[in-house]
Amino acid sequence: MENEEVKFSKEQIVSSKQFTVIEKDILKAILEDKEYSLEEAKEVLEEFKKKEVK
């Protein structure tokens, strides 16, 4: 039996208590309308935070 990560919709992720209000705003803006695991959402957030301001 494979141990698949649970996936959540964009709406479920941005209403999660795992993220701060600011992080939720960022996720709302950058996540696509598909399903993500919490780990994937955190990775997307980290990549965004690492980007250089232009």
PDB file of N, CA and C in Angstrom:
ATOM      1  N   MET A   1       0.849  -1.200   0.000  1.00  0.00           N
ATOM      2  CA  MET A   1       0.000   0.000   0.000  1.00  0.00           C
ATOM      3  C   MET A   1       0.884   1.248   0.000  1.00  0.00           C
ATOM      4  N   GLU A   2       0.659   2.122  -0.963  1.00  0.00           N
ATOM      5  CA  GLU A   2       1.451   3.346  -1.049  1.00  0.00           C
ATOM      6  C   GLU A   2       1.005   4.357  -0.011  1.00  0.00           C
ATOM      7  N   ASN A   3       1.971   5.118   0.462  1.00  0.00           N
ATOM      8  CA  ASN A   3       1.664   6.151   1.440  1.00  0.00           C
ATOM      9  C   ASN A   3       1.573   7.491   0.710  1.00  0.00           C
ATOM     10  N   GLU A   4       0.412   7.754   0.127  1.00  0.00           N
ATOM     11  CA  GLU A   4       0.241   8.987  -0.642  1.00  0.00           C
ATOM     12  C   GLU A   4      -0.042  10.159   0.282  1.00  0.00           C
ATOM     13  N   GLU A   5       0.516  11.310  -0.094  1.00  0.00           N
ATOM     14  CA  GLU A   5       0.249  12.513   0.687  1.00  0.00           C
ATOM     15  C   GLU A   5      -1.194  12.944   0.450  1.00  0.00           C
ATOM     16  N   VAL A   6      -1.818  13.442   1.492  1.00  0.00           N
ATOM     17  CA  VAL A   6      -3.175  13.958   1.357  1.00  0.00           C
ATOM     18  C   VAL A   6      -3.098  15.278   0.607  1.00  0.00           C
ATOM     19  N   LYS A   7      -3.981  15.465  -0.360  1.00  0.00           N
ATOM     20  CA  LYS A   7      -3.979  16.690  -1.156  1.00  0.00           C
ATOM     21  C   LYS A   7      -5.177  17.549  -0.766  1.00  0.00           C
ATOM     22  N   PHE A   8      -4.976  18.843  -0.848  1.00  0.00           N
ATOM     23  CA  PHE A   8      -6.027  19.792  -0.493  1.00  0.00           C
ATOM     24  C   PHE A   8      -6.234  20.770  -1.632  1.00  0.00           C
ATOM     25  N   SER A   9      -7.441  21.290  -1.743  1.00  0.00           N
ATOM     26  CA  SER A   9      -7.708  22.320  -2.740  1.00  0.00           C
ATOM     27  C   SER A   9      -7.076  23.627  -2.278  1.00  0.00           C
ATOM     28  N   LYS A  10      -6.923  24.538  -3.215  1.00  0.00           N
ATOM     29  CA  LYS A  10      -6.378  25.860  -2.903  1.00  0.00           C
ATOM     30  C   LYS A  10      -7.188  26.506  -1.771  1.00  0.00           C
ATOM     31  N   GLU A  11      -8.504  26.401  -1.852  1.00  0.00           N
ATOM     32  CA  GLU A  11      -9.371  27.000  -0.818  1.00  0.00           C
ATOM     33  C   GLU A  11      -9.132  26.381   0.555  1.00  0.00           C
ATOM     34  N   GLN A  12      -8.957  25.073   0.597  1.00  0.00           N
ATOM     35  CA  GLN A  12      -8.697  24.411   1.880  1.00  0.00           C
ATOM     36  C   GLN A  12      -7.354  24.868   2.462  1.00  0.00           C
ATOM     37  N   ILE A  13      -6.371  25.024   1.600  1.00  0.00           N
ATOM     38  CA  ILE A  13      -5.043  25.434   2.072  1.00  0.00           C
ATOM     39  C   ILE A  13      -5.077  26.856   2.618  1.00  0.00           C
ATOM     40  N   VAL A  14      -5.714  27.775   1.894  1.00  0.00           N
ATOM     41  CA  VAL A  14      -5.716  29.163   2.370  1.00  0.00           C
ATOM     42  C   VAL A  14      -6.618  29.368   3.586  1.00  0.00           C
ATOM     43  N   SER A  15      -7.431  28.387   3.919  1.00  0.00           N
ATOM     44  CA  SER A  15      -8.212  28.514   5.152  1.00  0.00           C
ATOM     45  C   SER A  15      -7.612  27.668   6.286  1.00  0.00           C
ATOM     46  N   SER A  16      -6.451  27.063   6.019  1.00  0.00           N
ATOM     47  CA  SER A  16      -5.771  26.236   7.010  1.00  0.00           C
ATOM     48  C   SER A  16      -5.160  27.090   8.125  1.00  0.00           C
ATOM     49  N   LYS A  17      -5.133  26.535   9.317  1.00  0.00           N
ATOM     50  CA  LYS A  17      -4.505  27.223  10.449  1.00  0.00           C
ATOM     51  C   LYS A  17      -2.984  27.045  10.432  1.00  0.00           C
ATOM     52  N   GLN A  18      -2.466  26.309   9.437  1.00  0.00           N
ATOM     53  CA  GLN A  18      -1.022  26.062   9.313  1.00  0.00           C
ATOM     54  C   GLN A  18      -0.259  27.316   8.891  1.00  0.00           C
ATOM     55  N   PHE A  19      -0.977  28.277   8.312  1.00  0.00           N
ATOM     56  CA  PHE A  19      -0.314  29.435   7.732  1.00  0.00           C
ATOM     57  C   PHE A  19      -0.784  30.726   8.384  1.00  0.00           C
ATOM     58  N   THR A  20       0.110  31.731   8.389  1.00  0.00           N
ATOM     59  CA  THR A  20      -0.256  33.040   8.929  1.00  0.00           C
ATOM     60  C   THR A  20      -1.142  33.762   7.915  1.00  0.00           C
ATOM     61  N   VAL A  21      -1.734  34.862   8.320  1.00  0.00           N
ATOM     62  CA  VAL A  21      -2.592  35.648   7.437  1.00  0.00           C
ATOM     63  C   VAL A  21      -1.801  36.105   6.198  1.00  0.00           C
ATOM     64  N   ILE A  22      -0.596  36.568   6.414  1.00  0.00           N
ATOM     65  CA  ILE A  22       0.235  37.032   5.296  1.00  0.00           C
ATOM     66  C   ILE A  22       0.567  35.870   4.361  1.00  0.00           C
ATOM     67  N   GLU A  23       0.938  34.729   4.926  1.00  0.00           N
ATOM     68  CA  GLU A  23       1.242  33.556   4.099  1.00  0.00           C
ATOM     69  C   GLU A  23       0.011  33.136   3.283  1.00  0.00           C
ATOM     70  N   LYS A  24      -1.159  33.204   3.898  1.00  0.00           N
ATOM     71  CA  LYS A  24      -2.386  32.852   3.183  1.00  0.00           C
ATOM     72  C   LYS A  24      -2.622  33.790   2.006  1.00  0.00           C
ATOM     73  N   ASP A  25      -2.366  35.075   2.211  1.00  0.00           N
ATOM     74  CA  ASP A  25      -2.519  36.042   1.112  1.00  0.00           C
ATOM     75  C   ASP A  25      -1.570  35.709  -0.036  1.00  0.00           C
ATOM     76  N   ILE A  26      -0.334  35.363   0.307  1.00  0.00           N
ATOM     77  CA  ILE A  26       0.652  34.990  -0.714  1.00  0.00           C
ATOM     78  C   ILE A  26       0.176  33.729  -1.445  1.00  0.00           C
ATOM     79  N   LEU A  27      -0.239  32.734  -0.690  1.00  0.00           N
ATOM     80  CA  LEU A  27      -0.691  31.477  -1.298  1.00  0.00           C
ATOM     81  C   LEU A  27      -1.900  31.699  -2.208  1.00  0.00           C
ATOM     82  N   LYS A  28      -2.820  32.557  -1.779  1.00  0.00           N
ATOM     83  CA  LYS A  28      -3.989  32.868  -2.619  1.00  0.00           C
ATOM     84  C   LYS A  28      -3.552  33.401  -3.971  1.00  0.00           C
ATOM     85  N   ALA A  29      -2.507  34.211  -3.946  1.00  0.00           N
ATOM     86  CA  ALA A  29      -2.031  34.853  -5.173  1.00  0.00           C
ATOM     87  C   ALA A  29      -1.235  33.900  -6.062  1.00  0.00           C
ATOM     88  N   ILE A  30      -0.466  33.003  -5.467  1.00  0.00           N
ATOM     89  CA  ILE A  30       0.460  32.215  -6.297  1.00  0.00           C
ATOM     90  C   ILE A  30       0.050  30.768  -6.551  1.00  0.00           C
ATOM     91  N   LEU A  31      -0.834  30.212  -5.735  1.00  0.00           N
ATOM     92  CA  LEU A  31      -1.242  28.827  -5.992  1.00  0.00           C
ATOM     93  C   LEU A  31      -2.192  28.769  -7.178  1.00  0.00           C
ATOM     94  N   GLU A  32      -2.057  27.717  -7.961  1.00  0.00           N
ATOM     95  CA  GLU A  32      -2.977  27.492  -9.068  1.00  0.00           C
ATOM     96  C   GLU A  32      -4.207  26.777  -8.518  1.00  0.00           C
ATOM     97  N   ASP A  33      -5.263  26.712  -9.316  1.00  0.00           N
ATOM     98  CA  ASP A  33      -6.469  26.011  -8.882  1.00  0.00           C
ATOM     99  C   ASP A  33      -6.321  24.516  -9.110  1.00  0.00           C
ATOM    100  N   LYS A  34      -5.462  23.922  -8.293  1.00  0.00           N
ATOM    101  CA  LYS A  34      -5.283  22.470  -8.316  1.00  0.00           C
ATOM    102  C   LYS A  34      -5.052  22.027  -6.888  1.00  0.00           C
ATOM    103  N   GLU A  35      -4.860  20.749  -6.687  1.00  0.00           N
ATOM    104  CA  GLU A  35      -4.667  20.257  -5.331  1.00  0.00           C
ATOM    105  C   GLU A  35      -3.193  20.180  -4.972  1.00  0.00           C
ATOM    106  N   TYR A  36      -2.897  20.482  -3.717  1.00  0.00           N
ATOM    107  CA  TYR A  36      -1.536  20.482  -3.181  1.00  0.00           C
ATOM    108  C   TYR A  36      -1.517  19.745  -1.851  1.00  0.00           C
ATOM    109  N   SER A  37      -0.399  19.127  -1.548  1.00  0.00           N
ATOM    110  CA  SER A  37      -0.204  18.631  -0.185  1.00  0.00           C
ATOM    111  C   SER A  37       0.260  19.843   0.629  1.00  0.00           C
ATOM    112  N   LEU A  38       0.182  19.755   1.939  1.00  0.00           N
ATOM    113  CA  LEU A  38       0.654  20.871   2.771  1.00  0.00           C
ATOM    114  C   LEU A  38       2.138  21.094   2.537  1.00  0.00           C
ATOM    115  N   GLU A  39       2.880  20.017   2.324  1.00  0.00           N
ATOM    116  CA  GLU A  39       4.317  20.117   2.076  1.00  0.00           C
ATOM    117  C   GLU A  39       4.582  20.888   0.780  1.00  0.00           C
ATOM    118  N   GLU A  40       3.811  20.595  -0.255  1.00  0.00           N
ATOM    119  CA  GLU A  40       3.968  21.307  -1.529  1.00  0.00           C
ATOM    120  C   GLU A  40       3.647  22.789  -1.366  1.00  0.00           C
ATOM    121  N   ALA A  41       2.597  23.094  -0.633  1.00  0.00           N
ATOM    122  CA  ALA A  41       2.213  24.482  -0.410  1.00  0.00           C
ATOM    123  C   ALA A  41       3.320  25.225   0.339  1.00  0.00           C
ATOM    124  N   LYS A  42       3.921  24.560   1.320  1.00  0.00           N
ATOM    125  CA  LYS A  42       5.019  25.177   2.078  1.00  0.00           C
ATOM    126  C   LYS A  42       6.234  25.420   1.186  1.00  0.00           C
ATOM    127  N   GLU A  43       6.495  24.476   0.271  1.00  0.00           N
ATOM    128  CA  GLU A  43       7.618  24.635  -0.659  1.00  0.00           C
ATOM    129  C   GLU A  43       7.393  25.828  -1.586  1.00  0.00           C
ATOM    130  N   VAL A  44       6.180  25.968  -2.098  1.00  0.00           N
ATOM    131  CA  VAL A  44       5.838  27.092  -2.972  1.00  0.00           C
ATOM    132  C   VAL A  44       6.055  28.403  -2.215  1.00  0.00           C
ATOM    133  N   LEU A  45       5.622  28.427  -0.974  1.00  0.00           N
ATOM    134  CA  LEU A  45       5.771  29.615  -0.127  1.00  0.00           C
ATOM    135  C   LEU A  45       7.246  29.945   0.097  1.00  0.00           C
ATOM    136  N   GLU A  46       8.048  28.932   0.388  1.00  0.00           N
ATOM    137  CA  GLU A  46       9.480  29.145   0.617  1.00  0.00           C
ATOM    138  C   GLU A  46      10.164  29.684  -0.634  1.00  0.00           C
ATOM    139  N   GLU A  47       9.823  29.126  -1.790  1.00  0.00           N
ATOM    140  CA  GLU A  47      10.396  29.599  -3.047  1.00  0.00           C
ATOM    141  C   GLU A  47      10.045  31.068  -3.269  1.00  0.00           C
ATOM    142  N   PHE A  48       8.802  31.409  -2.974  1.00  0.00           N
ATOM    143  CA  PHE A  48       8.356  32.792  -3.127  1.00  0.00           C
ATOM    144  C   PHE A  48       9.140  33.719  -2.211  1.00  0.00           C
ATOM    145  N   LYS A  49       9.336  33.304  -0.978  1.00  0.00           N
ATOM    146  CA  LYS A  49      10.051  34.132   0.003  1.00  0.00           C
ATOM    147  C   LYS A  49      11.523  34.326  -0.377  1.00  0.00           C
ATOM    148  N   LYS A  50      12.103  33.361  -1.094  1.00  0.00           N
ATOM    149  CA  LYS A  50      13.507  33.427  -1.482  1.00  0.00           C
ATOM    150  C   LYS A  50      13.730  34.349  -2.691  1.00  0.00           C
ATOM    151  N   LYS A  51      12.663  34.625  -3.433  1.00  0.00           N
ATOM    152  CA  LYS A  51      12.815  35.446  -4.642  1.00  0.00           C
ATOM    153  C   LYS A  51      13.291  36.843  -4.292  1.00  0.00           C
ATOM    154  N   GLU A  52      14.087  37.382  -5.179  1.00  0.00           N
ATOM    155  CA  GLU A  52      14.621  38.715  -4.986  1.00  0.00           C
ATOM    156  C   GLU A  52      13.584  39.764  -5.387  1.00  0.00           C
ATOM    157  N   VAL A  53      13.469  40.780  -4.615  1.00  0.00           N
ATOM    158  CA  VAL A  53      12.560  41.879  -4.953  1.00  0.00           C
ATOM    159  C   VAL A  53      13.181  42.676  -6.083  1.00  0.00           C
ATOM    160  N   LYS A  54      12.374  42.963  -7.086  1.00  0.00           N
ATOM    161  CA  LYS A  54      12.909  43.705  -8.248  1.00  0.00           C
ATOM    162  C   LYS A  54      12.440  45.154  -8.231  1.00  0.00           C
TER     163      LYS A  54
END
